[in-house]
C-alpha atoms as a PDB file:
ATOM      1  CA  MET A   1     -18.159  28.471  15.979  1.00  0.00           C
ATOM      2  CA  ASN A   2     -18.591  25.669  13.607  1.00  0.00           C
ATOM      3  CA  SER A   3     -16.883  27.535  10.894  1.00  0.00           C
ATOM      4  CA  LEU A   4     -13.959  28.105  13.366  1.00  0.00           C
ATOM      5  CA  THR A   5     -13.748  24.572  14.234  1.00  0.00           C
ATOM      6  CA  THR A   6     -13.861  23.539  10.473  1.00  0.00           C
ATOM      7  CA  THR A   7     -10.958  25.923   9.586  1.00  0.00           C
ATOM      8  CA  ALA A   8      -8.882  24.504  12.778  1.00  0.00           C
ATOM      9  CA  ASN A   9      -9.366  21.042  11.423  1.00  0.00           C
ATOM     10  CA  LEU A  10      -8.522  21.820   8.096  1.00  0.00           C
ATOM     11  CA  ARG A  11      -5.603  23.463   9.176  1.00  0.00           C
ATOM     12  CA  ASP A  12      -4.581  20.511  11.365  1.00  0.00           C
ATOM     13  CA  LEU A  13      -5.120  18.254   8.387  1.00  0.00           C
ATOM     14  CA  LEU A  14      -2.950  20.272   6.057  1.00  0.00           C
ATOM     15  CA  ALA A  15      -0.301  20.628   8.803  1.00  0.00           C
ATOM     16  CA  ARG A  16      -0.229  16.617   9.188  1.00  0.00           C
ATOM     17  CA  GLU A  17      -0.271  15.835   5.522  1.00  0.00           C
ATOM     18  CA  ILE A  18       2.133  18.522   4.069  1.00  0.00           C
ATOM     19  CA  LYS A  19       5.668  18.537   5.125  1.00  0.00           C
ATOM     20  CA  THR A  20       5.897  22.460   5.027  1.00  0.00           C
ATOM     21  CA  GLY A  21       9.376  22.777   5.728  1.00  0.00           C
ATOM     22  CA  GLU A  22      10.456  20.347   2.932  1.00  0.00           C
ATOM     23  CA  LEU A  23       8.117  22.084   0.506  1.00  0.00           C
ATOM     24  CA  VAL A  24       9.652  25.556   1.075  1.00  0.00           C
ATOM     25  CA  ARG A  25      13.113  24.143   0.499  1.00  0.00           C
ATOM     26  CA  ALA A  26      12.066  22.343  -2.622  1.00  0.00           C
ATOM     27  CA  LEU A  27      10.472  25.413  -4.169  1.00  0.00           C
ATOM     28  CA  ILE A  28      13.715  27.331  -3.338  1.00  0.00           C
ATOM     29  CA  VAL A  29      15.718  24.807  -5.273  1.00  0.00           C
ATOM     30  CA  VAL A  30      13.064  24.068  -8.340  1.00  0.00           C
ATOM     31  CA  GLY A  31      11.526  27.480  -8.444  1.00  0.00           C
ATOM     32  CA  PRO A  32      14.782  29.145  -9.940  1.00  0.00           C
ATOM     33  CA  VAL A  33      14.888  26.196 -12.650  1.00  0.00           C
ATOM     34  CA  ILE A  34      11.389  27.196 -13.638  1.00  0.00           C
ATOM     35  CA  ALA A  35      12.055  30.718 -13.795  1.00  0.00           C
ATOM     36  CA  ALA A  36      15.123  29.802 -16.006  1.00  0.00           C
ATOM     37  CA  TYR A  37      12.900  27.946 -18.155  1.00  0.00           C
ATOM     38  CA  PHE A  38      10.424  30.984 -18.711  1.00  0.00           C
ATOM     39  CA  VAL A  39      13.394  33.141 -19.579  1.00  0.00           C
ATOM     40  CA  ALA A  40      15.544  30.911 -21.943  1.00  0.00           C
ATOM     41  CA  ARG A  41      12.450  28.778 -23.315  1.00  0.00           C
ATOM     42  CA  GLU A  42      14.562  25.853 -22.961  1.00  0.00           C
ATOM     43  CA  THR A  43      12.665  22.546 -22.188  1.00  0.00           C
ATOM     44  CA  ALA A  44      15.627  20.597 -20.814  1.00  0.00           C
ATOM     45  CA  LEU A  45      15.760  23.109 -17.980  1.00  0.00           C
ATOM     46  CA  LEU A  46      12.368  21.820 -16.507  1.00  0.00           C
ATOM     47  CA  ASN A  47      14.046  18.257 -16.186  1.00  0.00           C
ATOM     48  CA  LEU A  48      16.841  19.696 -14.053  1.00  0.00           C
ATOM     49  CA  GLY A  49      14.009  20.170 -11.471  1.00  0.00           C
ATOM     50  CA  LEU A  50      14.038  16.326 -10.994  1.00  0.00           C
ATOM     51  CA  VAL A  51      17.775  16.591 -10.483  1.00  0.00           C
ATOM     52  CA  ALA A  52      17.237  19.292  -7.900  1.00  0.00           C
ATOM     53  CA  VAL A  53      14.655  17.431  -5.851  1.00  0.00           C
ATOM     54  CA  SER A  54      16.573  14.094  -6.077  1.00  0.00           C
ATOM     55  CA  LEU A  55      19.655  15.694  -4.420  1.00  0.00           C
ATOM     56  CA  LEU A  56      17.529  17.526  -1.972  1.00  0.00           C
ATOM     57  CA  ILE A  57      15.501  14.578  -0.365  1.00  0.00           C
ATOM     58  CA  PRO A  58      18.294  12.497   0.841  1.00  0.00           C
ATOM     59  CA  ALA A  59      20.148  15.574   1.941  1.00  0.00           C
ATOM     60  CA  LEU A  60      17.361  16.880   4.171  1.00  0.00           C
ATOM     61  CA  ARG A  61      16.317  13.145   5.311  1.00  0.00           C
ATOM     62  CA  LEU A  62      20.033  11.996   5.971  1.00  0.00           C
ATOM     63  CA  HIS A  63      21.416  15.526   7.022  1.00  0.00           C
ATOM     64  CA  LEU A  64      24.149  15.293   4.492  1.00  0.00           C
ATOM     65  CA  PRO A  65      26.886  17.565   4.321  1.00  0.00           C
ATOM     66  CA  PRO A  66      27.722  19.329   1.140  1.00  0.00           C
ATOM     67  CA  LYS A  67      30.566  17.106   0.427  1.00  0.00           C
ATOM     68  CA  VAL A  68      28.350  14.299   0.366  1.00  0.00           C
ATOM     69  CA  VAL A  69      25.857  15.830  -1.791  1.00  0.00           C
ATOM     70  CA  ALA A  70      28.385  16.468  -4.379  1.00  0.00           C
ATOM     71  CA  TRP A  71      29.277  12.924  -4.391  1.00  0.00           C
ATOM     72  CA  HIS A  72      25.582  12.021  -4.836  1.00  0.00           C
ATOM     73  CA  TYR A  73      25.389  14.653  -7.729  1.00  0.00           C
ATOM     74  CA  LEU A  74      28.410  13.114  -9.484  1.00  0.00           C
ATOM     75  CA  ALA A  75      26.669   9.508  -9.259  1.00  0.00           C
ATOM     76  CA  ILE A  76      23.373  10.946 -10.532  1.00  0.00           C
ATOM     77  CA  LEU A  77      25.214  12.338 -13.675  1.00  0.00           C
ATOM     78  CA  LEU A  78      27.493   9.094 -14.157  1.00  0.00           C
ATOM     79  CA  THR A  79      24.525   6.822 -14.274  1.00  0.00           C
ATOM     80  CA  PHE A  80      22.504   9.284 -16.297  1.00  0.00           C
ATOM     81  CA  ALA A  81      25.160   9.541 -18.888  1.00  0.00           C
ATOM     82  CA  ALA A  82      26.027   5.683 -19.105  1.00  0.00           C
ATOM     83  CA  LEU A  83      22.406   4.910 -19.297  1.00  0.00           C
ATOM     84  CA  PHE A  84      21.681   7.773 -22.099  1.00  0.00           C
ATOM     85  CA  LEU A  85      24.674   6.692 -24.084  1.00  0.00           C
ATOM     86  CA  ALA A  86      23.539   2.854 -23.785  1.00  0.00           C
ATOM     87  CA  SER A  87      20.009   3.596 -24.697  1.00  0.00           C
ATOM     88  CA  PRO A  88      20.137   3.023 -28.509  1.00  0.00           C
ATOM     89  CA  ILE A  89      21.525  -0.442 -27.778  1.00  0.00           C
ATOM     90  CA  LYS A  90      18.491  -2.052 -25.947  1.00  0.00           C
ATOM     91  CA  PRO A  91      20.079  -5.120 -24.490  1.00  0.00           C
ATOM     92  CA  LEU A  92      22.840  -3.088 -23.137  1.00  0.00           C
ATOM     93  CA  PHE A  93      20.556  -0.439 -21.662  1.00  0.00           C
ATOM     94  CA  ALA A  94      18.373  -3.251 -20.028  1.00  0.00           C
ATOM     95  CA  VAL A  95      21.568  -4.739 -18.438  1.00  0.00           C
ATOM     96  CA  LEU A  96      22.900  -1.361 -17.230  1.00  0.00           C
ATOM     97  CA  THR A  97      19.345  -0.249 -15.869  1.00  0.00           C
ATOM     98  CA  ALA A  98      19.109  -3.656 -14.137  1.00  0.00           C
ATOM     99  CA  LEU A  99      22.778  -2.942 -12.763  1.00  0.00           C
ATOM    100  CA  ALA A 100      21.631   0.517 -11.351  1.00  0.00           C
ATOM    101  CA  GLY A 101      18.716  -1.073  -9.695  1.00  0.00           C
ATOM    102  CA  PHE A 102      20.672  -3.825  -8.092  1.00  0.00           C
ATOM    103  CA  LEU A 103      23.244  -1.182  -6.770  1.00  0.00           C
ATOM    104  CA  ALA A 104      20.549   1.053  -5.483  1.00  0.00           C
ATOM    105  CA  VAL A 105      19.673  -1.399  -2.870  1.00  0.00           C
ATOM    106  CA  ALA A 106      22.956  -3.394  -2.556  1.00  0.00           C
ATOM    107  CA  VAL A 107      24.387  -0.378  -0.746  1.00  0.00           C
ATOM    108  CA  THR A 108      22.276  -0.845   2.070  1.00  0.00           C
ATOM    109  CA  ARG A 109      25.055  -3.678   3.185  1.00  0.00           C
ATOM    110  CA  HIS A 110      26.859  -0.770   4.450  1.00  0.00           C
ATOM    111  CA  GLY A 111      23.807   1.095   6.195  1.00  0.00           C
ATOM    112  CA  GLU A 112      19.906   0.467   5.698  1.00  0.00           C
ATOM    113  CA  HIS A 113      19.503   4.401   5.095  1.00  0.00           C
ATOM    114  CA  PHE A 114      21.787   4.149   2.134  1.00  0.00           C
ATOM    115  CA  ARG A 115      18.777   2.835   0.244  1.00  0.00           C
ATOM    116  CA  THR A 116      17.585   6.518   0.006  1.00  0.00           C
ATOM    117  CA  LEU A 117      20.807   7.574  -1.673  1.00  0.00           C
ATOM    118  CA  GLY A 118      20.534   4.696  -3.913  1.00  0.00           C
ATOM    119  CA  ASN A 119      16.726   5.314  -4.934  1.00  0.00           C
ATOM    120  CA  TRP A 120      17.622   8.892  -5.845  1.00  0.00           C
ATOM    121  CA  VAL A 121      20.370   7.921  -7.987  1.00  0.00           C
ATOM    122  CA  PHE A 122      18.374   5.319  -9.874  1.00  0.00           C
ATOM    123  CA  ILE A 123      15.197   7.220 -10.144  1.00  0.00           C
ATOM    124  CA  PRO A 124      16.439  10.572 -11.969  1.00  0.00           C
ATOM    125  CA  ALA A 125      18.962   8.604 -14.046  1.00  0.00           C
ATOM    126  CA  VAL A 126      16.631   6.219 -15.555  1.00  0.00           C
ATOM    127  CA  TYR A 127      13.837   8.746 -15.940  1.00  0.00           C
ATOM    128  CA  LEU A 128      16.117  11.348 -17.845  1.00  0.00           C
ATOM    129  CA  ALA A 129      17.767   8.846 -19.950  1.00  0.00           C
ATOM    130  CA  CYS A 130      14.298   7.520 -21.197  1.00  0.00           C
ATOM    131  CA  GLU A 131      12.837  11.137 -21.196  1.00  0.00           C
ATOM    132  CA  VAL A 132      15.430  12.849 -23.248  1.00  0.00           C
ATOM    133  CA  ARG A 133      15.302  10.305 -25.885  1.00  0.00           C
ATOM    134  CA  GLU A 134      11.586  10.203 -26.051  1.00  0.00           C
ATOM    135  CA  GLY A 135      10.593  11.520 -29.242  1.00  0.00           C
ATOM    136  CA  LEU A 136      13.613  13.178 -30.261  1.00  0.00           C
ATOM    137  CA  SER A 137      16.192  12.637 -32.893  1.00  0.00           C
ATOM    138  CA  ALA A 138      19.713  11.522 -31.783  1.00  0.00           C
ATOM    139  CA  SER A 139      21.221  15.070 -32.290  1.00  0.00           C
ATOM    140  CA  GLU A 140      18.398  16.805 -30.346  1.00  0.00           C
ATOM    141  CA  ALA A 141      18.585  14.397 -27.510  1.00  0.00           C
ATOM    142  CA  LEU A 142      22.364  14.698 -27.311  1.00  0.00           C
ATOM    143  CA  ARG A 143      21.723  18.597 -27.151  1.00  0.00           C
ATOM    144  CA  HIS A 144      19.226  18.160 -24.486  1.00  0.00           C
ATOM    145  CA  ALA A 145      21.064  15.721 -22.486  1.00  0.00           C
ATOM    146  CA  GLY A 146      24.164  18.259 -22.800  1.00  0.00           C
ATOM    147  CA  MET A 147      21.945  21.240 -21.470  1.00  0.00           C
ATOM    148  CA  ILE A 148      20.791  19.058 -18.470  1.00  0.00           C
ATOM    149  CA  ILE A 149      24.568  18.242 -17.601  1.00  0.00           C
ATOM    150  CA  VAL A 150      25.936  21.662 -18.127  1.00  0.00           C
ATOM    151  CA  SER A 151      23.206  23.431 -16.067  1.00  0.00           C
ATOM    152  CA  SER A 152      23.055  20.857 -13.308  1.00  0.00           C
ATOM    153  CA  PRO A 153      25.624  22.586 -11.075  1.00  0.00           C
ATOM    154  CA  ILE A 154      23.059  25.268 -10.332  1.00  0.00           C
ATOM    155  CA  ALA A 155      20.949  22.571  -8.661  1.00  0.00           C
ATOM    156  CA  LEU A 156      23.765  21.343  -6.828  1.00  0.00           C
ATOM    157  CA  ALA A 157      24.808  24.725  -5.693  1.00  0.00           C
ATOM    158  CA  LEU A 158      21.203  25.477  -4.251  1.00  0.00           C
ATOM    159  CA  VAL A 159      20.835  22.301  -2.343  1.00  0.00           C
ATOM    160  CA  CYS A 160      24.577  22.819  -0.876  1.00  0.00           C
ATOM    161  CA  ALA A 161      23.324  26.341   0.224  1.00  0.00           C
ATOM    162  CA  ILE A 162      20.159  24.932   1.820  1.00  0.00           C
ATOM    163  CA  GLN A 163      22.413  22.336   3.705  1.00  0.00           C
ATOM    164  CA  ILE A 164      24.813  24.832   4.713  1.00  0.00           C
ATOM    165  CA  TYR A 165      22.212  27.240   6.132  1.00  0.00           C
ATOM    166  CA  ASP A 166      20.365  24.390   7.833  1.00  0.00           C
ATOM    167  CA  GLN A 167      23.557  23.215   9.514  1.00  0.00           C
ATOM    168  CA  ARG A 168      24.629  26.637  10.776  1.00  0.00           C
ATOM    169  CA  ARG A 169      21.147  27.332  11.985  1.00  0.00           C
ATOM    170  CA  CYS A 170      20.599  24.014  13.770  1.00  0.00           C
ATOM    171  CA  GLY A 171      24.034  22.656  14.102  1.00  0.00           C
ATOM    172  CA  ASP A 172      25.556  19.587  12.472  1.00  0.00           C
ATOM    173  CA  ALA A 173      23.289  16.729  12.898  1.00  0.00           C
ATOM    174  CA  ALA A 174      24.440  13.227  13.123  1.00  0.00           C
ATOM    175  CA  LYS A 175      25.054  11.622   9.785  1.00  0.00           C
ATOM    176  CA  LEU A 176      23.695   8.054  10.615  1.00  0.00           C
ATOM    177  CA  PHE A 177      22.980   5.555   7.882  1.00  0.00           C
ATOM    178  CA  GLY A 178      21.747   2.926  10.131  1.00  0.00           C
ATOM    179  CA  ALA A 179      22.971  -0.653  10.779  1.00  0.00           C
ATOM    180  CA  PRO A 180      24.234  -2.709   7.549  1.00  0.00           C
ATOM    181  CA  ALA A 181      21.138  -4.632   6.062  1.00  0.00           C
ATOM    182  CA  ALA A 182      21.485  -8.456   7.066  1.00  0.00           C
ATOM    183  CA  GLU A 183      19.312  -9.023   3.907  1.00  0.00           C
ATOM    184  CA  TRP A 184      20.529  -7.014   1.321  1.00  0.00           C
ATOM    185  CA  PHE A 185      21.040  -9.378  -1.690  1.00  0.00           C
ATOM    186  CA  VAL A 186      17.530 -10.641  -1.956  1.00  0.00           C
ATOM    187  CA  PRO A 187      15.852  -7.313  -2.445  1.00  0.00           C
ATOM    188  CA  ALA A 188      18.814  -6.188  -4.537  1.00  0.00           C
ATOM    189  CA  ALA A 189      18.609  -9.095  -6.939  1.00  0.00           C
ATOM    190  CA  ALA A 190      14.558  -8.820  -6.977  1.00  0.00           C
ATOM    191  CA  THR A 191      15.129  -5.039  -8.035  1.00  0.00           C
ATOM    192  CA  ALA A 192      17.466  -5.943 -10.822  1.00  0.00           C
ATOM    193  CA  LEU A 193      15.309  -8.658 -12.147  1.00  0.00           C
ATOM    194  CA  ALA A 194      12.251  -6.629 -12.148  1.00  0.00           C
ATOM    195  CA  VAL A 195      13.984  -3.718 -13.903  1.00  0.00           C
ATOM    196  CA  PHE A 196      15.499  -5.975 -16.362  1.00  0.00           C
ATOM    197  CA  ALA A 197      12.254  -7.617 -16.970  1.00  0.00           C
ATOM    198  CA  ALA A 198      10.380  -4.250 -17.504  1.00  0.00           C
ATOM    199  CA  ALA A 199      13.218  -2.768 -19.569  1.00  0.00           C
ATOM    200  CA  ALA A 200      12.923  -5.888 -21.744  1.00  0.00           C
ATOM    201  CA  LEU A 201       9.311  -5.433 -22.456  1.00  0.00           C
ATOM    202  CA  VAL A 202       9.493  -1.440 -22.960  1.00  0.00           C
ATOM    203  CA  ASP A 203      11.881  -2.498 -25.862  1.00  0.00           C
ATOM    204  CA  ILE A 204       9.906  -5.525 -27.290  1.00  0.00           C
ATOM    205  CA  LEU A 205       6.545  -3.611 -27.053  1.00  0.00           C
ATOM    206  CA  ASP A 206       8.105  -0.082 -27.727  1.00  0.00           C
ATOM    207  CA  LEU A 207       5.987   1.270 -24.737  1.00  0.00           C
ATOM    208  CA  ALA A 208       5.676   4.829 -24.620  1.00  0.00           C
ATOM    209  CA  GLN A 209       6.818   6.686 -21.507  1.00  0.00           C
ATOM    210  CA  GLY A 210       8.580   3.356 -20.648  1.00  0.00           C
ATOM    211  CA  GLN A 211      10.444   4.924 -17.728  1.00  0.00           C
ATOM    212  CA  TRP A 212       7.426   4.563 -15.496  1.00  0.00           C
ATOM    213  CA  VAL A 213       7.411   0.826 -16.192  1.00  0.00           C
ATOM    214  CA  MET A 214      10.932   0.565 -14.964  1.00  0.00           C
ATOM    215  CA  TRP A 215      10.458   3.107 -11.977  1.00  0.00           C
ATOM    216  CA  SER A 216       7.299   1.150 -10.916  1.00  0.00           C
ATOM    217  CA  ALA A 217       9.105  -2.155 -10.980  1.00  0.00           C
ATOM    218  CA  ALA A 218      11.594  -1.075  -8.729  1.00  0.00           C
ATOM    219  CA  SER A 219       9.462   1.046  -6.541  1.00  0.00           C
ATOM    220  CA  VAL A 220       7.480  -1.750  -5.243  1.00  0.00           C
ATOM    221  CA  VAL A 221      10.448  -4.022  -3.851  1.00  0.00           C
ATOM    222  CA  VAL A 222      10.455  -2.585  -0.541  1.00  0.00           C
ATOM    223  CA  GLY A 223      10.650  -5.788   1.519  1.00  0.00           C
ATOM    224  CA  ASP A 224       8.801  -8.926   1.645  1.00  0.00           C
ATOM    225  CA  LEU A 225       5.874  -9.813  -0.689  1.00  0.00           C
ATOM    226  CA  ALA A 226       3.228  -8.524   1.675  1.00  0.00           C
ATOM    227  CA  ALA A 227       4.952  -5.039   1.874  1.00  0.00           C
ATOM    228  CA  SER A 228       5.611  -4.989  -1.869  1.00  0.00           C
ATOM    229  CA  THR A 229       1.878  -5.833  -2.556  1.00  0.00           C
ATOM    230  CA  GLY A 230       0.763  -2.919  -0.423  1.00  0.00           C
ATOM    231  CA  LYS A 231       3.102  -0.549  -2.036  1.00  0.00           C
ATOM    232  CA  LEU A 232       1.619  -1.612  -5.448  1.00  0.00           C
ATOM    233  CA  LYS A 233      -1.876  -1.157  -4.069  1.00  0.00           C
ATOM    234  CA  GLN A 234      -1.062   2.441  -3.115  1.00  0.00           C
ATOM    235  CA  ARG A 235       0.492   3.180  -6.515  1.00  0.00           C
ATOM    236  CA  ALA A 236      -2.558   1.589  -8.432  1.00  0.00           C
ATOM    237  CA  ILE A 237      -5.195   3.641  -6.320  1.00  0.00           C
ATOM    238  CA  GLY A 238      -3.095   6.725  -6.972  1.00  0.00           C
ATOM    239  CA  ALA A 239      -2.726   6.372 -10.632  1.00  0.00           C
ATOM    240  CA  VAL A 240      -6.227   5.224 -11.369  1.00  0.00           C
ATOM    241  CA  VAL A 241      -7.531   8.161  -9.286  1.00  0.00           C
ATOM    242  CA  GLY A 242      -5.027  10.799 -10.213  1.00  0.00           C
ATOM    243  CA  VAL A 243      -4.478  10.397 -13.947  1.00  0.00           C
ATOM    244  CA  PRO A 244      -8.000  10.457 -15.125  1.00  0.00           C
ATOM    245  CA  LEU A 245      -8.817  13.541 -12.782  1.00  0.00           C
ATOM    246  CA  GLY A 246      -5.874  15.391 -14.500  1.00  0.00           C
ATOM    247  CA  PHE A 247      -6.880  14.517 -17.901  1.00  0.00           C
ATOM    248  CA  LEU A 248     -10.467  15.705 -17.190  1.00  0.00           C
ATOM    249  CA  ALA A 249      -9.067  19.009 -15.660  1.00  0.00           C
ATOM    250  CA  GLY A 250      -6.813  19.467 -18.735  1.00  0.00           C
ATOM    251  CA  MET A 251      -9.813  18.821 -21.092  1.00  0.00           C
ATOM    252  CA  VAL A 252     -11.401  22.224 -19.887  1.00  0.00           C
ATOM    253  CA  LEU A 253      -8.050  24.338 -19.873  1.00  0.00           C
ATOM    254  CA  PRO A 254      -6.515  25.486 -23.131  1.00  0.00           C
ATOM    255  CA  PRO A 255      -2.748  24.188 -24.045  1.00  0.00           C
ATOM    256  CA  SER A 256      -0.358  26.642 -22.206  1.00  0.00           C
ATOM    257  CA  ARG A 257       3.354  26.842 -21.751  1.00  0.00           C
ATOM    258  CA  VAL A 258       2.872  28.496 -18.253  1.00  0.00           C
ATOM    259  CA  GLY A 259       0.287  25.865 -17.420  1.00  0.00           C
ATOM    260  CA  TYR A 260       2.617  23.153 -18.578  1.00  0.00           C
ATOM    261  CA  ALA A 261       5.455  24.493 -16.391  1.00  0.00           C
ATOM    262  CA  LEU A 262       3.472  25.134 -13.292  1.00  0.00           C
ATOM    263  CA  ALA A 263       2.289  21.416 -13.630  1.00  0.00           C
ATOM    264  CA  VAL A 264       5.587  20.091 -14.063  1.00  0.00           C
ATOM    265  CA  LEU A 265       6.613  22.104 -11.008  1.00  0.00           C
ATOM    266  CA  ALA A 266       3.613  20.761  -8.924  1.00  0.00           C
ATOM    267  CA  ALA A 267       4.431  17.130 -10.044  1.00  0.00           C
ATOM    268  CA  THR A 268       8.099  17.546  -8.886  1.00  0.00           C
ATOM    269  CA  LEU A 269       7.323  18.914  -5.648  1.00  0.00           C
ATOM    270  CA  THR A 270       4.957  15.980  -4.866  1.00  0.00           C
ATOM    271  CA  LEU A 271       8.229  13.855  -4.584  1.00  0.00           C
ATOM    272  CA  ILE A 272       8.948  15.347  -1.311  1.00  0.00           C
ATOM    273  CA  SER A 273       5.978  17.397   0.202  1.00  0.00           C
ATOM    274  CA  PHE A 274       3.505  14.847   1.427  1.00  0.00           C
ATOM    275  CA  SER A 275       3.688  12.540   4.604  1.00  0.00           C
ATOM    276  CA  ARG A 276       1.511   9.976   3.022  1.00  0.00           C
ATOM    277  CA  TYR A 277       2.890   8.101  -0.136  1.00  0.00           C
ATOM    278  CA  ILE A 278      -0.443   7.365  -1.470  1.00  0.00           C
ATOM    279  CA  ILE A 279      -1.616  11.437  -1.419  1.00  0.00           C
ATOM    280  CA  GLY A 280       1.949  12.108  -3.028  1.00  0.00           C
ATOM    281  CA  PHE A 281       1.783   9.793  -5.734  1.00  0.00           C
ATOM    282  CA  GLY A 282      -2.008  10.286  -6.409  1.00  0.00           C
ATOM    283  CA  LEU A 283      -1.307  13.911  -6.832  1.00  0.00           C
ATOM    284  CA  ARG A 284       1.776  13.565  -8.908  1.00  0.00           C
ATOM    285  CA  CYS A 285       0.045  11.299 -11.311  1.00  0.00           C
ATOM    286  CA  PHE A 286      -2.916  14.136 -11.628  1.00  0.00           C
ATOM    287  CA  PHE A 287      -0.161  16.917 -12.204  1.00  0.00           C
ATOM    288  CA  ILE A 288       1.660  14.559 -14.805  1.00  0.00           C
ATOM    289  CA  ALA A 289      -1.530  14.188 -16.726  1.00  0.00           C
ATOM    290  CA  LEU A 290      -2.412  17.903 -16.444  1.00  0.00           C
ATOM    291  CA  ALA A 291       1.170  18.766 -17.867  1.00  0.00           C
ATOM    292  CA  ALA A 292       0.447  16.459 -20.893  1.00  0.00           C
ATOM    293  CA  SER A 293      -2.865  18.101 -21.206  1.00  0.00           C
ATOM    294  CA  PHE A 294      -1.414  21.735 -21.271  1.00  0.00           C
ATOM    295  CA  ALA A 295       1.307  20.536 -23.688  1.00  0.00           C
ATOM    296  CA  GLY A 296      -1.348  19.141 -26.177  1.00  0.00           C
ATOM    297  CA  SER A 297      -0.321  15.570 -25.868  1.00  0.00           C
ATOM    298  CA  ALA A 298      -2.726  14.082 -23.565  1.00  0.00           C
ATOM    299  CA  SER A 299      -4.215  11.624 -25.976  1.00  0.00           C
ATOM    300  CA  GLY A 300      -3.728   8.136 -24.284  1.00  0.00           C
ATOM    301  CA  ILE A 301      -1.794   9.522 -21.210  1.00  0.00           C
ATOM    302  CA  ALA A 302      -4.458   8.285 -18.741  1.00  0.00           C
ATOM    303  CA  GLU A 303      -4.175   4.565 -20.272  1.00  0.00           C
ATOM    304  CA  GLU A 304      -0.409   4.802 -20.568  1.00  0.00           C
ATOM    305  CA  ARG A 305       0.363   5.919 -17.340  1.00  0.00           C
ATOM    306  CA  ILE A 306      -2.028   3.506 -15.321  1.00  0.00           C
ATOM    307  CA  LEU A 307      -0.861   0.502 -17.427  1.00  0.00           C
ATOM    308  CA  ASN A 308       2.802   1.450 -16.819  1.00  0.00           C
ATOM    309  CA  VAL A 309       2.172   1.520 -13.070  1.00  0.00           C
ATOM    310  CA  LEU A 310       0.492  -1.716 -13.176  1.00  0.00           C
ATOM    311  CA  ILE A 311       2.751  -3.523 -15.571  1.00  0.00           C
ATOM    312  CA  GLY A 312       5.879  -2.241 -13.594  1.00  0.00           C
ATOM    313  CA  GLY A 313       4.536  -3.151 -10.278  1.00  0.00           C
ATOM    314  CA  THR A 314       3.473  -6.616 -11.303  1.00  0.00           C
ATOM    315  CA  PHE A 315       6.998  -7.280 -12.502  1.00  0.00           C
ATOM    316  CA  GLY A 316       8.281  -6.025  -9.053  1.00  0.00           C
ATOM    317  CA  LEU A 317       5.907  -8.338  -7.096  1.00  0.00           C
ATOM    318  CA  LEU A 318       6.968 -11.403  -9.447  1.00  0.00           C
ATOM    319  CA  ALA A 319      10.474 -10.895  -8.839  1.00  0.00           C
ATOM    320  CA  VAL A 320       9.962 -10.462  -4.979  1.00  0.00           C
ATOM    321  CA  ALA A 321       8.213 -13.896  -5.093  1.00  0.00           C
ATOM    322  CA  LEU A 322      10.490 -15.489  -7.209  1.00  0.00           C
ATOM    323  CA  THR A 323      13.748 -14.344  -5.691  1.00  0.00           C
ATOM    324  CA  GLU A 324      12.289 -15.219  -1.972  1.00  0.00           C
ATOM    325  CA  ILE A 325      11.482 -18.694  -3.419  1.00  0.00           C
ATOM    326  CA  VAL A 326      14.859 -19.411  -4.935  1.00  0.00           C
ATOM    327  CA  TRP A 327      16.823 -18.028  -1.710  1.00  0.00           C
ATOM    328  CA  LEU A 328      14.526 -20.182   0.519  1.00  0.00           C
ATOM    329  CA  ARG A 329      15.726 -23.217  -1.412  1.00  0.00           C
ATOM    330  CA  VAL A 330      19.252 -22.163  -1.389  1.00  0.00           C
ATOM    331  CA  MET A 331      19.011 -21.849   2.188  1.00  0.00           C
ATOM    332  CA  ARG A 332      17.271 -25.139   2.986  1.00  0.00           C
ATOM    333  CA  LYS A 333      20.114 -26.781   0.806  1.00  0.00           C
ATOM    334  CA  VAL A 334      23.042 -24.935   2.648  1.00  0.00           C
ATOM    335  CA  ARG A 335      21.445 -25.836   6.120  1.00  0.00           C
ATOM    336  CA  SER A 336      20.943 -29.560   4.915  1.00  0.00           C
ATOM    337  CA  SER A 337      24.505 -29.866   3.597  1.00  0.00           C
ATOM    338  CA  GLY A 338      25.964 -28.403   6.916  1.00  0.00           C
END
């Protein structure tokens, strides 16, 4: 009886924590990418998984029709191309990355749920622009970027197929983007400031895996200072727990191309599969560290990952605090003059 109760409790826990429907759909769009990687032995194809999931998350959450998914896809490619081409010119890259962060939040002036679309343009574009350049020559980076762009219609087709299937099975759901956000400028400005500072620091200190600093800086700007502090705490806990555990697991396993691909797949799936952010982020950190171990490049990954999360998050908090202070002073002056 106790064993049956324990099994039932475990099943209920997993049902609460794991979004099974979204996980299955993510496997459908990312699985073929991993299979193509094994066949073609082309590393660029692994990065295509991020494009696929970045298209899938807003499509599922906002019930987007294929036409809107296609526009989202074009926004990702154009932003990625702009940041990739600008990345050798560090000041220009910092400015364009900050602009992308600003626009990702500014679109909420047309509906609060547009933040989801904005985030999932900013995240893959910044991540890929940095990842493709990391440790590669200019010609190899250009080839890598070209492979991602040329193969990306596969991701678009898979996500659109899922949306068409779901809409035929369940009917068209209302496409509601929420009411326009009344206070969109302050968080947009805070995001731009945080991302610009993070990009500048990455350039000055030549930080490895600098995309995580910029991603973390934007990620914690979720509202007021209290909400942003809570988001940073969750990210810090996830990194501090997940990265060392992934590194330790990798120490007892030999380098493996299969293990690396599966760890990348698992890390990508954590973007969509868990109800609680802290669990998803902690597991993402675990699988990223494990993937680095399988690739034989785990040296320093724990320190880099944790440090990048904390530095980026701190920039985000400082930007939120600064913009709130400045905005309050501006509003006081407006009221007093009125």
